[in-house]
Amino acid sequence: MILALFGGALVGSIALAAILTLLSSTEGVAETCVYPDPCGPPRSSAELVSLTAWESPLGYSFRYNAEIWTVGEEDASGVTLRLAGREDATLRIVGAAGTAPDTALATYVDEVRGRVPDLAEDRRAFRLVLGPAVGFRDGVGASYAGHVGSPQGPGPVVTMSAMAAQVGEVTVLVSMEMTGEEWIQVEDGAWQGEQAFQQADSIINTVRWSSEEDG
């Protein structure tokens, strides 16, 4: 959902990077991640070689590298994958029947705001989701940033890029979310979040709908 995120979509581009008014000020965030080029994932990336399949009864599937990702929460509609088993870098893939991509995206963002109350769309150039796509199907997408809510006030920064696309009656939403300042910092020209988005991109490109095979 990178940012050609995610799917050929999420380099500039694959949240689951940064923050609007969020690190106390937009300027503060901009200085933290001043990437000369889009911080998102490449427009396309090769599918993973050694893959584990995951399939939903809703009629979509994808493949992932079990040496890089571990399965967290899952149900019939979707699953949360943790990058290298970490809790602070997760890819959420979820399907819904009879829901348009823009509605699925808006609903998901509202859900995330339950724990990231100041979550807002990040419109800075290097965070734009260009050509949002899931499984090489055109869709909708955007990047967001905010802080984990806590009784003491704003907690760790959260950066997220999400996309959704539809085939037939099934919409699949993907969201790469990263928590913590390390994911939005650039050191020696390298941005750690970009590597995470690239790994997510490789999974997003494998998403397939059963209706594609039927018709």
N, C-alpha and C. Protein backbone atom coordinates (compact mmCIF):
# COMPACT_ATOMS: atom_id res chain seq x y z
N MET A 1 0.98 -0.32 0.00
CA MET A 1 0.00 0.00 0.00
C MET A 1 1.38 0.46 0.00
N ILE A 2 7.66 2.92 -1.47
CA ILE A 2 6.49 2.40 -1.37
C ILE A 2 5.58 3.30 -1.65
N LEU A 3 5.20 3.45 -1.78
CA LEU A 3 3.98 3.95 -1.70
C LEU A 3 3.47 3.83 -3.01
N ALA A 4 4.15 3.66 -3.90
CA ALA A 4 3.57 3.00 -4.95
C ALA A 4 3.22 1.83 -4.19
N LEU A 5 2.91 1.86 -2.92
CA LEU A 5 2.84 0.81 -1.85
C LEU A 5 2.64 -0.32 -2.50
N PHE A 6 2.80 -0.08 -2.06
CA PHE A 6 2.45 -1.20 -1.96
C PHE A 6 2.14 -1.45 -3.27
N GLY A 7 1.86 -2.19 -4.15
CA GLY A 7 1.59 -2.90 -5.28
C GLY A 7 1.98 -2.29 -6.52
N GLY A 8 3.10 -1.79 -6.59
CA GLY A 8 3.41 -1.15 -7.78
C GLY A 8 2.88 0.17 -7.61
N ALA A 9 2.85 0.54 -6.49
CA ALA A 9 2.03 1.59 -6.17
C ALA A 9 2.54 2.37 -5.08
N LEU A 10 2.59 1.53 -3.81
CA LEU A 10 2.90 2.23 -2.63
C LEU A 10 4.17 2.68 -2.55
N VAL A 11 6.68 3.27 -4.75
CA VAL A 11 7.69 4.11 -4.26
C VAL A 11 7.16 5.35 -4.32
N GLY A 12 6.92 5.77 -4.23
CA GLY A 12 6.45 6.95 -4.21
C GLY A 12 5.62 7.35 -4.53
N SER A 13 5.78 6.27 -3.68
CA SER A 13 5.71 5.62 -4.50
C SER A 13 4.69 5.51 -4.91
N ILE A 14 2.56 -1.90 -0.90
CA ILE A 14 3.14 -1.38 0.03
C ILE A 14 3.05 -1.20 0.06
N ALA A 15 1.08 -0.05 6.70
CA ALA A 15 1.48 0.79 7.20
C ALA A 15 0.60 0.23 7.40
N LEU A 16 3.35 -2.29 5.97
CA LEU A 16 2.12 -1.61 6.94
C LEU A 16 3.88 -0.98 7.94
N ALA A 17 4.41 6.02 7.24
CA ALA A 17 5.62 6.12 7.49
C ALA A 17 5.82 7.37 8.10
N ALA A 18 5.53 8.25 8.84
CA ALA A 18 5.70 9.61 9.13
C ALA A 18 4.77 10.60 9.64
N ILE A 19 4.43 11.69 9.48
CA ILE A 19 3.44 12.32 10.31
C ILE A 19 3.17 13.76 9.97
N LEU A 20 1.94 14.12 9.93
CA LEU A 20 1.52 15.44 9.52
C LEU A 20 1.87 16.42 10.61
N THR A 21 0.95 16.64 11.36
CA THR A 21 1.14 17.59 12.44
C THR A 21 1.64 16.83 13.61
N LEU A 22 2.12 15.67 13.30
CA LEU A 22 2.18 14.63 14.26
C LEU A 22 3.40 14.60 15.12
N LEU A 23 4.51 14.84 14.78
CA LEU A 23 5.59 14.76 15.73
C LEU A 23 5.67 16.10 16.45
N SER A 24 4.62 16.67 16.72
CA SER A 24 4.41 17.99 17.28
C SER A 24 4.25 19.01 16.20
N SER A 25 4.81 18.73 15.04
CA SER A 25 4.62 19.68 13.95
C SER A 25 5.01 19.00 12.67
N THR A 26 4.42 19.46 11.56
CA THR A 26 4.72 18.87 10.26
C THR A 26 6.19 19.07 9.93
N GLU A 27 6.73 20.21 10.34
CA GLU A 27 8.12 20.49 10.04
C GLU A 27 9.02 19.46 10.71
N GLY A 28 8.67 19.09 11.92
CA GLY A 28 9.49 18.13 12.64
C GLY A 28 9.56 16.82 11.92
N VAL A 29 8.43 16.38 11.37
CA VAL A 29 8.41 15.11 10.66
C VAL A 29 9.17 15.23 9.37
N ALA A 30 8.97 16.33 8.66
CA ALA A 30 9.63 16.51 7.37
C ALA A 30 11.13 16.43 7.55
N GLU A 31 11.66 16.99 8.65
CA GLU A 31 13.08 16.98 8.87
C GLU A 31 13.55 15.57 9.24
N THR A 32 12.66 14.79 9.82
CA THR A 32 13.03 13.44 10.22
C THR A 32 13.16 12.51 9.01
N CYS A 33 12.28 12.70 8.04
CA CYS A 33 12.33 11.84 6.86
C CYS A 33 12.38 12.71 5.62
N VAL A 34 13.55 13.25 5.34
CA VAL A 34 13.69 14.11 4.18
C VAL A 34 14.29 13.31 3.05
N TYR A 35 13.51 12.47 2.48
CA TYR A 35 13.96 11.63 1.38
C TYR A 35 13.90 12.44 0.10
N PRO A 36 14.95 12.46 -0.68
CA PRO A 36 14.92 13.25 -1.92
C PRO A 36 13.93 12.70 -2.93
N ASP A 37 13.67 11.43 -2.85
CA ASP A 37 12.71 10.81 -3.76
C ASP A 37 11.60 10.20 -2.92
N PRO A 38 10.53 9.74 -3.59
CA PRO A 38 9.43 9.13 -2.82
C PRO A 38 9.94 8.05 -1.89
N CYS A 39 9.41 8.05 -0.67
CA CYS A 39 9.84 7.05 0.32
C CYS A 39 9.07 5.76 0.15
N GLY A 40 8.18 5.68 -0.79
CA GLY A 40 7.35 4.50 -0.92
C GLY A 40 8.05 3.38 -1.64
N PRO A 41 7.33 2.28 -1.86
CA PRO A 41 7.92 1.12 -2.51
C PRO A 41 8.03 1.28 -4.01
N PRO A 42 8.80 0.46 -4.66
CA PRO A 42 8.96 0.55 -6.10
C PRO A 42 7.65 0.28 -6.80
N ARG A 43 7.53 0.74 -8.04
CA ARG A 43 6.26 0.59 -8.74
C ARG A 43 5.89 -0.86 -8.93
N SER A 44 6.87 -1.71 -8.94
CA SER A 44 6.56 -3.14 -9.00
C SER A 44 7.75 -3.91 -8.46
N SER A 45 7.50 -5.08 -7.96
CA SER A 45 8.59 -5.90 -7.45
C SER A 45 8.25 -7.36 -7.72
N ALA A 46 9.30 -8.14 -7.87
CA ALA A 46 9.09 -9.55 -8.21
C ALA A 46 8.38 -10.27 -7.07
N GLU A 47 7.55 -11.24 -7.42
CA GLU A 47 6.86 -12.01 -6.40
C GLU A 47 7.87 -12.89 -5.67
N LEU A 48 7.57 -13.20 -4.43
CA LEU A 48 8.48 -14.00 -3.63
C LEU A 48 8.63 -15.40 -4.22
N VAL A 49 9.80 -15.97 -4.00
CA VAL A 49 10.08 -17.28 -4.58
C VAL A 49 9.54 -18.42 -3.73
N SER A 50 9.91 -18.46 -2.45
CA SER A 50 9.43 -19.51 -1.56
C SER A 50 8.22 -18.97 -0.81
N LEU A 51 7.06 -19.44 -1.19
CA LEU A 51 5.84 -18.83 -0.67
C LEU A 51 4.91 -19.81 0.04
N THR A 52 4.23 -19.27 1.03
CA THR A 52 3.19 -20.00 1.73
C THR A 52 1.86 -19.39 1.33
N ALA A 53 0.90 -20.23 0.98
CA ALA A 53 -0.39 -19.72 0.52
C ALA A 53 -1.34 -19.46 1.69
N TRP A 54 -2.16 -18.43 1.54
CA TRP A 54 -3.23 -18.15 2.50
C TRP A 54 -4.48 -17.83 1.68
N GLU A 55 -5.58 -18.49 1.99
CA GLU A 55 -6.80 -18.33 1.20
C GLU A 55 -7.99 -18.04 2.10
N SER A 56 -8.84 -17.13 1.67
CA SER A 56 -10.04 -16.77 2.43
C SER A 56 -11.27 -17.39 1.80
N PRO A 57 -12.24 -17.81 2.61
CA PRO A 57 -13.49 -18.33 2.09
C PRO A 57 -14.24 -17.28 1.27
N LEU A 58 -13.86 -16.02 1.41
CA LEU A 58 -14.52 -14.96 0.64
C LEU A 58 -14.19 -15.05 -0.85
N GLY A 59 -13.09 -15.76 -1.16
CA GLY A 59 -12.75 -15.92 -2.57
C GLY A 59 -11.54 -15.14 -3.02
N TYR A 60 -10.57 -14.95 -2.15
CA TYR A 60 -9.31 -14.33 -2.56
C TYR A 60 -8.18 -15.04 -1.82
N SER A 61 -6.98 -14.90 -2.33
CA SER A 61 -5.83 -15.55 -1.72
C SER A 61 -4.57 -14.71 -1.97
N PHE A 62 -3.51 -15.07 -1.28
CA PHE A 62 -2.22 -14.42 -1.51
C PHE A 62 -1.14 -15.37 -1.02
N ARG A 63 0.10 -15.04 -1.28
CA ARG A 63 1.23 -15.86 -0.85
C ARG A 63 2.25 -14.99 -0.13
N TYR A 64 2.96 -15.58 0.83
CA TYR A 64 3.95 -14.83 1.59
C TYR A 64 5.13 -15.71 1.95
N ASN A 65 6.24 -15.08 2.28
CA ASN A 65 7.45 -15.79 2.66
C ASN A 65 7.43 -16.01 4.17
N ALA A 66 7.25 -17.23 4.59
CA ALA A 66 7.13 -17.55 6.01
C ALA A 66 8.43 -17.35 6.77
N GLU A 67 9.54 -17.16 6.05
CA GLU A 67 10.80 -16.89 6.72
C GLU A 67 10.93 -15.41 7.07
N ILE A 68 10.08 -14.59 6.46
CA ILE A 68 10.12 -13.15 6.69
C ILE A 68 8.93 -12.68 7.51
N TRP A 69 7.78 -13.33 7.31
CA TRP A 69 6.54 -12.93 7.98
C TRP A 69 6.00 -14.03 8.87
N THR A 70 5.39 -13.63 9.98
CA THR A 70 4.71 -14.59 10.84
C THR A 70 3.24 -14.19 10.92
N VAL A 71 2.37 -15.18 11.06
CA VAL A 71 0.94 -14.92 11.12
C VAL A 71 0.54 -14.52 12.53
N GLY A 72 -0.21 -13.40 12.63
CA GLY A 72 -0.72 -12.96 13.91
C GLY A 72 -2.19 -13.33 14.00
N GLU A 73 -3.03 -12.32 14.17
CA GLU A 73 -4.46 -12.58 14.21
C GLU A 73 -4.97 -12.95 12.81
N GLU A 74 -5.94 -13.85 12.76
CA GLU A 74 -6.54 -14.20 11.48
C GLU A 74 -7.95 -14.71 11.70
N ASP A 75 -8.79 -14.53 10.68
CA ASP A 75 -10.15 -15.07 10.68
C ASP A 75 -10.52 -15.32 9.23
N ALA A 76 -11.78 -15.59 8.97
CA ALA A 76 -12.19 -15.94 7.62
C ALA A 76 -12.00 -14.80 6.63
N SER A 77 -12.06 -13.56 7.10
CA SER A 77 -11.97 -12.42 6.19
C SER A 77 -10.55 -11.97 5.90
N GLY A 78 -9.64 -12.21 6.84
CA GLY A 78 -8.29 -11.72 6.61
C GLY A 78 -7.30 -12.12 7.68
N VAL A 79 -6.10 -11.54 7.59
CA VAL A 79 -5.01 -11.92 8.47
C VAL A 79 -4.08 -10.75 8.69
N THR A 80 -3.41 -10.77 9.83
CA THR A 80 -2.36 -9.79 10.12
C THR A 80 -1.03 -10.52 10.08
N LEU A 81 -0.11 -10.04 9.27
CA LEU A 81 1.22 -10.61 9.18
C LEU A 81 2.21 -9.68 9.87
N ARG A 82 3.12 -10.25 10.65
CA ARG A 82 4.11 -9.46 11.36
C ARG A 82 5.47 -9.64 10.69
N LEU A 83 6.09 -8.54 10.35
CA LEU A 83 7.39 -8.58 9.69
C LEU A 83 8.45 -9.07 10.67
N ALA A 84 9.07 -10.20 10.34
CA ALA A 84 10.11 -10.79 11.18
C ALA A 84 9.62 -11.00 12.60
N GLY A 85 8.33 -11.24 12.76
CA GLY A 85 7.77 -11.51 14.07
C GLY A 85 7.64 -10.29 14.96
N ARG A 86 7.90 -9.10 14.44
CA ARG A 86 7.84 -7.88 15.23
C ARG A 86 6.40 -7.41 15.41
N GLU A 87 6.18 -6.72 16.52
CA GLU A 87 4.85 -6.18 16.79
C GLU A 87 4.67 -4.79 16.19
N ASP A 88 5.78 -4.15 15.81
CA ASP A 88 5.72 -2.76 15.37
C ASP A 88 5.73 -2.58 13.85
N ALA A 89 5.65 -3.68 13.11
CA ALA A 89 5.59 -3.60 11.64
C ALA A 89 4.67 -4.71 11.16
N THR A 90 3.45 -4.35 10.79
CA THR A 90 2.45 -5.36 10.43
C THR A 90 1.77 -5.03 9.11
N LEU A 91 1.43 -6.08 8.40
CA LEU A 91 0.68 -5.96 7.16
C LEU A 91 -0.68 -6.61 7.38
N ARG A 92 -1.74 -5.84 7.21
CA ARG A 92 -3.10 -6.34 7.37
C ARG A 92 -3.71 -6.54 6.00
N ILE A 93 -4.24 -7.73 5.74
CA ILE A 93 -4.92 -8.04 4.49
C ILE A 93 -6.30 -8.55 4.85
N VAL A 94 -7.32 -7.86 4.37
CA VAL A 94 -8.68 -8.23 4.76
C VAL A 94 -9.63 -8.07 3.57
N GLY A 95 -10.57 -8.99 3.45
CA GLY A 95 -11.53 -8.95 2.36
C GLY A 95 -12.93 -8.63 2.86
N ALA A 96 -13.75 -8.14 1.97
CA ALA A 96 -15.14 -7.83 2.30
C ALA A 96 -15.98 -8.01 1.04
N ALA A 97 -17.17 -8.60 1.21
CA ALA A 97 -18.06 -8.82 0.07
C ALA A 97 -19.09 -7.70 0.01
N GLY A 98 -19.36 -7.22 -1.20
CA GLY A 98 -20.38 -6.20 -1.39
C GLY A 98 -20.00 -4.83 -0.87
N THR A 99 -18.71 -4.57 -0.72
CA THR A 99 -18.24 -3.27 -0.23
C THR A 99 -17.31 -2.64 -1.26
N ALA A 100 -17.53 -1.40 -1.62
CA ALA A 100 -16.69 -0.71 -2.58
C ALA A 100 -15.33 -0.40 -1.96
N PRO A 101 -14.26 -0.33 -2.76
CA PRO A 101 -12.93 -0.06 -2.23
C PRO A 101 -12.83 1.22 -1.39
N ASP A 102 -13.45 2.31 -1.85
CA ASP A 102 -13.35 3.55 -1.08
C ASP A 102 -14.05 3.43 0.27
N THR A 103 -15.15 2.69 0.31
CA THR A 103 -15.85 2.46 1.58
C THR A 103 -15.03 1.59 2.50
N ALA A 104 -14.41 0.54 1.95
CA ALA A 104 -13.58 -0.35 2.76
C ALA A 104 -12.40 0.42 3.35
N LEU A 105 -11.80 1.29 2.56
CA LEU A 105 -10.67 2.08 3.04
C LEU A 105 -11.09 3.03 4.16
N ALA A 106 -12.20 3.73 3.95
CA ALA A 106 -12.68 4.69 4.96
C ALA A 106 -13.03 3.97 6.26
N THR A 107 -13.66 2.81 6.14
CA THR A 107 -14.04 2.05 7.33
C THR A 107 -12.82 1.59 8.10
N TYR A 108 -11.81 1.14 7.39
CA TYR A 108 -10.60 0.66 8.05
C TYR A 108 -9.88 1.80 8.76
N VAL A 109 -9.78 2.94 8.09
CA VAL A 109 -9.12 4.10 8.69
C VAL A 109 -9.83 4.51 9.98
N ASP A 110 -11.16 4.48 9.95
CA ASP A 110 -11.92 4.81 11.16
C ASP A 110 -11.61 3.83 12.29
N GLU A 111 -11.43 2.56 11.96
CA GLU A 111 -11.11 1.56 12.97
C GLU A 111 -9.75 1.85 13.59
N VAL A 112 -8.78 2.19 12.76
CA VAL A 112 -7.44 2.48 13.27
C VAL A 112 -7.47 3.71 14.19
N ARG A 113 -8.35 4.67 13.89
CA ARG A 113 -8.44 5.87 14.72
C ARG A 113 -8.91 5.54 16.15
N GLY A 114 -9.45 4.35 16.33
CA GLY A 114 -9.84 3.95 17.67
C GLY A 114 -8.65 3.87 18.61
N ARG A 115 -7.47 3.58 18.06
CA ARG A 115 -6.25 3.53 18.89
C ARG A 115 -5.23 4.58 18.49
N VAL A 116 -5.46 5.22 17.33
CA VAL A 116 -4.59 6.31 16.87
C VAL A 116 -5.50 7.51 16.60
N PRO A 117 -5.97 8.17 17.65
CA PRO A 117 -7.01 9.20 17.51
C PRO A 117 -6.68 10.37 16.60
N ASP A 118 -5.41 10.71 16.46
CA ASP A 118 -5.07 11.85 15.60
C ASP A 118 -4.64 11.42 14.21
N LEU A 119 -4.96 10.18 13.84
CA LEU A 119 -4.59 9.68 12.51
C LEU A 119 -5.16 10.59 11.44
N ALA A 120 -4.30 11.04 10.52
CA ALA A 120 -4.72 11.93 9.44
C ALA A 120 -3.98 11.57 8.17
N GLU A 121 -4.55 11.92 7.05
CA GLU A 121 -3.90 11.61 5.78
C GLU A 121 -2.63 12.42 5.63
N ASP A 122 -1.59 11.75 5.19
CA ASP A 122 -0.28 12.38 4.98
C ASP A 122 -0.14 12.67 3.49
N ARG A 123 -0.25 13.93 3.12
CA ARG A 123 -0.25 14.31 1.71
C ARG A 123 1.10 14.80 1.20
N ARG A 124 2.13 14.68 2.00
CA ARG A 124 3.44 15.12 1.53
C ARG A 124 3.86 14.30 0.31
N ALA A 125 4.60 14.93 -0.59
CA ALA A 125 4.92 14.31 -1.87
C ALA A 125 5.56 12.94 -1.75
N PHE A 126 6.50 12.79 -0.80
CA PHE A 126 7.19 11.51 -0.72
C PHE A 126 6.37 10.43 -0.04
N ARG A 127 5.16 10.79 0.43
CA ARG A 127 4.31 9.80 1.07
C ARG A 127 3.08 9.45 0.25
N LEU A 128 2.95 10.07 -0.91
CA LEU A 128 1.77 9.81 -1.73
C LEU A 128 1.76 8.37 -2.24
N VAL A 129 0.59 7.79 -2.29
CA VAL A 129 0.42 6.46 -2.87
C VAL A 129 0.10 6.66 -4.34
N LEU A 130 1.05 6.36 -5.18
CA LEU A 130 0.87 6.58 -6.62
C LEU A 130 0.39 5.29 -7.29
N GLY A 131 -0.67 5.39 -8.07
CA GLY A 131 -1.18 4.22 -8.76
C GLY A 131 -1.55 3.09 -7.83
N PRO A 132 -2.41 3.33 -6.83
CA PRO A 132 -2.77 2.27 -5.88
C PRO A 132 -3.33 1.04 -6.59
N ALA A 133 -2.85 -0.13 -6.17
CA ALA A 133 -3.30 -1.38 -6.78
C ALA A 133 -3.10 -2.52 -5.81
N VAL A 134 -3.94 -3.51 -5.91
CA VAL A 134 -3.83 -4.73 -5.11
C VAL A 134 -3.90 -5.90 -6.08
N GLY A 135 -2.90 -6.76 -6.04
CA GLY A 135 -2.89 -7.86 -7.00
C GLY A 135 -2.93 -7.38 -8.43
N PHE A 136 -2.29 -6.23 -8.68
CA PHE A 136 -2.24 -5.60 -10.00
C PHE A 136 -3.61 -5.16 -10.50
N ARG A 137 -4.54 -5.01 -9.59
CA ARG A 137 -5.86 -4.46 -9.90
C ARG A 137 -5.92 -3.03 -9.37
N ASP A 138 -6.25 -2.08 -10.23
CA ASP A 138 -6.31 -0.68 -9.81
C ASP A 138 -7.32 -0.49 -8.69
N GLY A 139 -6.98 0.41 -7.78
CA GLY A 139 -7.88 0.66 -6.66
C GLY A 139 -7.70 2.05 -6.09
N VAL A 140 -7.92 2.19 -4.82
CA VAL A 140 -7.77 3.48 -4.12
C VAL A 140 -6.76 3.28 -3.00
N GLY A 141 -6.14 4.38 -2.56
CA GLY A 141 -5.17 4.25 -1.49
C GLY A 141 -4.66 5.59 -1.01
N ALA A 142 -4.05 5.59 0.16
CA ALA A 142 -3.48 6.81 0.73
C ALA A 142 -2.56 6.43 1.88
N SER A 143 -1.79 7.42 2.33
CA SER A 143 -0.91 7.24 3.48
C SER A 143 -1.44 8.07 4.64
N TYR A 144 -1.17 7.61 5.84
CA TYR A 144 -1.68 8.27 7.04
C TYR A 144 -0.61 8.27 8.12
N ALA A 145 -0.77 9.16 9.10
CA ALA A 145 0.17 9.20 10.22
C ALA A 145 -0.55 9.74 11.45
N GLY A 146 -0.08 9.34 12.61
CA GLY A 146 -0.67 9.79 13.86
C GLY A 146 0.09 9.22 15.03
N HIS A 147 -0.51 9.25 16.20
CA HIS A 147 0.14 8.75 17.41
C HIS A 147 -0.80 7.81 18.16
N VAL A 148 -0.22 6.78 18.73
CA VAL A 148 -1.00 5.87 19.56
C VAL A 148 -1.55 6.66 20.75
N GLY A 149 -2.84 6.51 21.01
CA GLY A 149 -3.45 7.23 22.11
C GLY A 149 -3.17 6.55 23.45
N SER A 150 -3.03 7.36 24.49
CA SER A 150 -2.82 6.83 25.83
C SER A 150 -3.33 7.85 26.85
N PRO A 151 -3.64 7.42 28.07
CA PRO A 151 -4.13 8.34 29.10
C PRO A 151 -3.14 9.47 29.38
N GLN A 152 -1.85 9.22 29.14
CA GLN A 152 -0.83 10.23 29.39
C GLN A 152 -0.67 11.21 28.23
N GLY A 153 -1.35 10.93 27.11
CA GLY A 153 -1.21 11.80 25.95
C GLY A 153 -0.71 11.01 24.75
N PRO A 154 -0.30 11.71 23.68
CA PRO A 154 0.17 11.04 22.47
C PRO A 154 1.31 10.07 22.75
N GLY A 155 1.18 8.85 22.22
CA GLY A 155 2.22 7.86 22.38
C GLY A 155 3.09 7.76 21.15
N PRO A 156 3.62 6.58 20.84
CA PRO A 156 4.51 6.40 19.68
C PRO A 156 3.85 6.81 18.38
N VAL A 157 4.66 7.30 17.46
CA VAL A 157 4.15 7.71 16.16
C VAL A 157 3.79 6.47 15.33
N VAL A 158 2.74 6.58 14.56
CA VAL A 158 2.28 5.49 13.69
C VAL A 158 2.23 6.00 12.25
N THR A 159 2.78 5.24 11.34
CA THR A 159 2.70 5.58 9.93
C THR A 159 2.08 4.42 9.18
N MET A 160 1.18 4.70 8.27
CA MET A 160 0.42 3.63 7.61
C MET A 160 0.13 4.01 6.16
N SER A 161 0.23 3.05 5.28
CA SER A 161 -0.20 3.21 3.90
C SER A 161 -1.18 2.09 3.60
N ALA A 162 -2.30 2.42 3.00
CA ALA A 162 -3.34 1.42 2.76
C ALA A 162 -3.90 1.54 1.36
N MET A 163 -4.33 0.42 0.80
CA MET A 163 -4.94 0.39 -0.53
C MET A 163 -6.05 -0.64 -0.55
N ALA A 164 -6.98 -0.45 -1.47
CA ALA A 164 -8.07 -1.41 -1.62
C ALA A 164 -8.46 -1.51 -3.09
N ALA A 165 -8.77 -2.72 -3.54
CA ALA A 165 -9.20 -2.95 -4.92
C ALA A 165 -10.27 -4.02 -4.93
N GLN A 166 -11.04 -4.05 -6.00
CA GLN A 166 -12.19 -4.96 -6.07
C GLN A 166 -12.21 -5.75 -7.36
N VAL A 167 -12.62 -7.01 -7.25
CA VAL A 167 -12.90 -7.86 -8.41
C VAL A 167 -14.21 -8.55 -8.12
N GLY A 168 -15.18 -8.41 -9.00
CA GLY A 168 -16.49 -8.97 -8.75
C GLY A 168 -17.12 -8.32 -7.53
N GLU A 169 -17.56 -9.13 -6.58
CA GLU A 169 -18.19 -8.61 -5.37
C GLU A 169 -17.23 -8.50 -4.19
N VAL A 170 -15.98 -8.91 -4.40
CA VAL A 170 -15.04 -8.95 -3.28
C VAL A 170 -13.99 -7.84 -3.36
N THR A 171 -13.89 -7.08 -2.28
CA THR A 171 -12.87 -6.04 -2.16
C THR A 171 -11.81 -6.52 -1.19
N VAL A 172 -10.55 -6.32 -1.56
CA VAL A 172 -9.43 -6.68 -0.68
C VAL A 172 -8.70 -5.41 -0.29
N LEU A 173 -8.54 -5.21 1.01
CA LEU A 173 -7.81 -4.06 1.52
C LEU A 173 -6.50 -4.54 2.13
N VAL A 174 -5.43 -3.80 1.83
CA VAL A 174 -4.12 -4.10 2.40
C VAL A 174 -3.61 -2.85 3.10
N SER A 175 -2.99 -3.02 4.26
CA SER A 175 -2.49 -1.88 5.01
C SER A 175 -1.19 -2.23 5.71
N MET A 176 -0.14 -1.49 5.38
CA MET A 176 1.15 -1.67 6.05
C MET A 176 1.27 -0.60 7.12
N GLU A 177 1.43 -1.03 8.37
CA GLU A 177 1.46 -0.10 9.50
C GLU A 177 2.74 -0.31 10.30
N MET A 178 3.40 0.80 10.63
CA MET A 178 4.64 0.74 11.40
C MET A 178 4.55 1.72 12.57
N THR A 179 5.01 1.29 13.72
CA THR A 179 4.92 2.09 14.93
C THR A 179 6.31 2.37 15.49
N GLY A 180 6.59 3.64 15.76
CA GLY A 180 7.89 4.00 16.33
C GLY A 180 8.67 4.92 15.41
N GLU A 181 9.47 5.78 16.01
CA GLU A 181 10.21 6.77 15.23
C GLU A 181 11.28 6.16 14.33
N GLU A 182 11.77 4.97 14.69
CA GLU A 182 12.81 4.37 13.86
C GLU A 182 12.34 4.14 12.43
N TRP A 183 11.01 3.97 12.26
CA TRP A 183 10.48 3.68 10.93
C TRP A 183 10.36 4.93 10.06
N ILE A 184 10.53 6.11 10.64
CA ILE A 184 10.38 7.33 9.84
C ILE A 184 11.68 8.11 9.72
N GLN A 185 12.75 7.54 10.24
CA GLN A 185 14.02 8.23 10.19
C GLN A 185 14.86 7.80 9.00
N VAL A 186 15.63 8.74 8.49
CA VAL A 186 16.55 8.47 7.39
C VAL A 186 17.96 8.64 7.91
N GLU A 187 18.78 7.61 7.76
CA GLU A 187 20.16 7.67 8.19
C GLU A 187 21.07 7.26 7.04
N ASP A 188 22.02 8.14 6.74
CA ASP A 188 22.96 7.89 5.65
C ASP A 188 22.23 7.59 4.34
N GLY A 189 21.12 8.29 4.14
CA GLY A 189 20.38 8.13 2.89
C GLY A 189 19.50 6.91 2.84
N ALA A 190 19.48 6.11 3.92
CA ALA A 190 18.66 4.89 3.93
C ALA A 190 17.45 5.09 4.82
N TRP A 191 16.32 4.60 4.36
CA TRP A 191 15.06 4.69 5.12
C TRP A 191 14.59 3.29 5.41
N GLN A 192 14.61 2.91 6.69
CA GLN A 192 14.25 1.54 7.08
C GLN A 192 12.84 1.18 6.65
N GLY A 193 11.94 2.16 6.67
CA GLY A 193 10.56 1.89 6.29
C GLY A 193 10.42 1.45 4.84
N GLU A 194 11.33 1.90 3.98
CA GLU A 194 11.23 1.51 2.58
C GLU A 194 11.40 0.01 2.40
N GLN A 195 12.32 -0.57 3.14
CA GLN A 195 12.53 -2.01 3.04
C GLN A 195 11.29 -2.78 3.50
N ALA A 196 10.65 -2.27 4.55
CA ALA A 196 9.44 -2.93 5.04
C ALA A 196 8.34 -2.85 3.99
N PHE A 197 8.20 -1.68 3.36
CA PHE A 197 7.19 -1.52 2.33
C PHE A 197 7.46 -2.42 1.13
N GLN A 198 8.73 -2.59 0.79
CA GLN A 198 9.08 -3.45 -0.33
C GLN A 198 8.69 -4.90 -0.05
N GLN A 199 8.91 -5.34 1.19
CA GLN A 199 8.50 -6.70 1.55
C GLN A 199 6.98 -6.84 1.47
N ALA A 200 6.27 -5.80 1.91
CA ALA A 200 4.80 -5.83 1.84
C ALA A 200 4.35 -5.84 0.39
N ASP A 201 5.01 -5.07 -0.44
CA ASP A 201 4.67 -4.97 -1.85
C ASP A 201 4.73 -6.34 -2.53
N SER A 202 5.73 -7.13 -2.16
CA SER A 202 5.89 -8.45 -2.77
C SER A 202 4.70 -9.35 -2.46
N ILE A 203 4.11 -9.19 -1.29
CA ILE A 203 2.92 -9.97 -0.94
C ILE A 203 1.70 -9.43 -1.67
N ILE A 204 1.54 -8.13 -1.65
CA ILE A 204 0.37 -7.49 -2.26
C ILE A 204 0.25 -7.83 -3.74
N ASN A 205 1.39 -7.98 -4.39
CA ASN A 205 1.36 -8.33 -5.81
C ASN A 205 0.87 -9.75 -6.07
N THR A 206 0.86 -10.59 -5.04
CA THR A 206 0.41 -11.98 -5.23
C THR A 206 -1.08 -12.17 -4.98
N VAL A 207 -1.77 -11.14 -4.53
CA VAL A 207 -3.21 -11.26 -4.24
C VAL A 207 -3.96 -11.65 -5.51
N ARG A 208 -4.81 -12.67 -5.39
CA ARG A 208 -5.62 -13.12 -6.52
C ARG A 208 -7.05 -13.37 -6.05
N TRP A 209 -8.00 -13.14 -6.94
CA TRP A 209 -9.41 -13.39 -6.66
C TRP A 209 -9.83 -14.66 -7.41
N SER A 210 -10.64 -15.50 -6.77
CA SER A 210 -11.08 -16.72 -7.44
C SER A 210 -11.93 -16.39 -8.65
N SER A 211 -12.62 -15.26 -8.63
CA SER A 211 -13.47 -14.85 -9.77
C SER A 211 -12.62 -14.54 -11.00
N GLU A 212 -11.34 -14.24 -10.80
CA GLU A 212 -10.47 -14.00 -11.95
C GLU A 212 -10.29 -15.31 -12.73
N GLU A 213 -10.17 -16.40 -11.99
CA GLU A 213 -9.99 -17.70 -12.65
C GLU A 213 -11.28 -18.16 -13.30
N ASP A 214 -12.40 -17.79 -12.68
CA ASP A 214 -13.69 -18.23 -13.23
C ASP A 214 -14.05 -17.49 -14.52
N GLY A 215 -13.54 -16.25 -14.60
CA GLY A 215 -13.95 -15.52 -15.78
C GLY A 215 -12.89 -14.80 -16.45
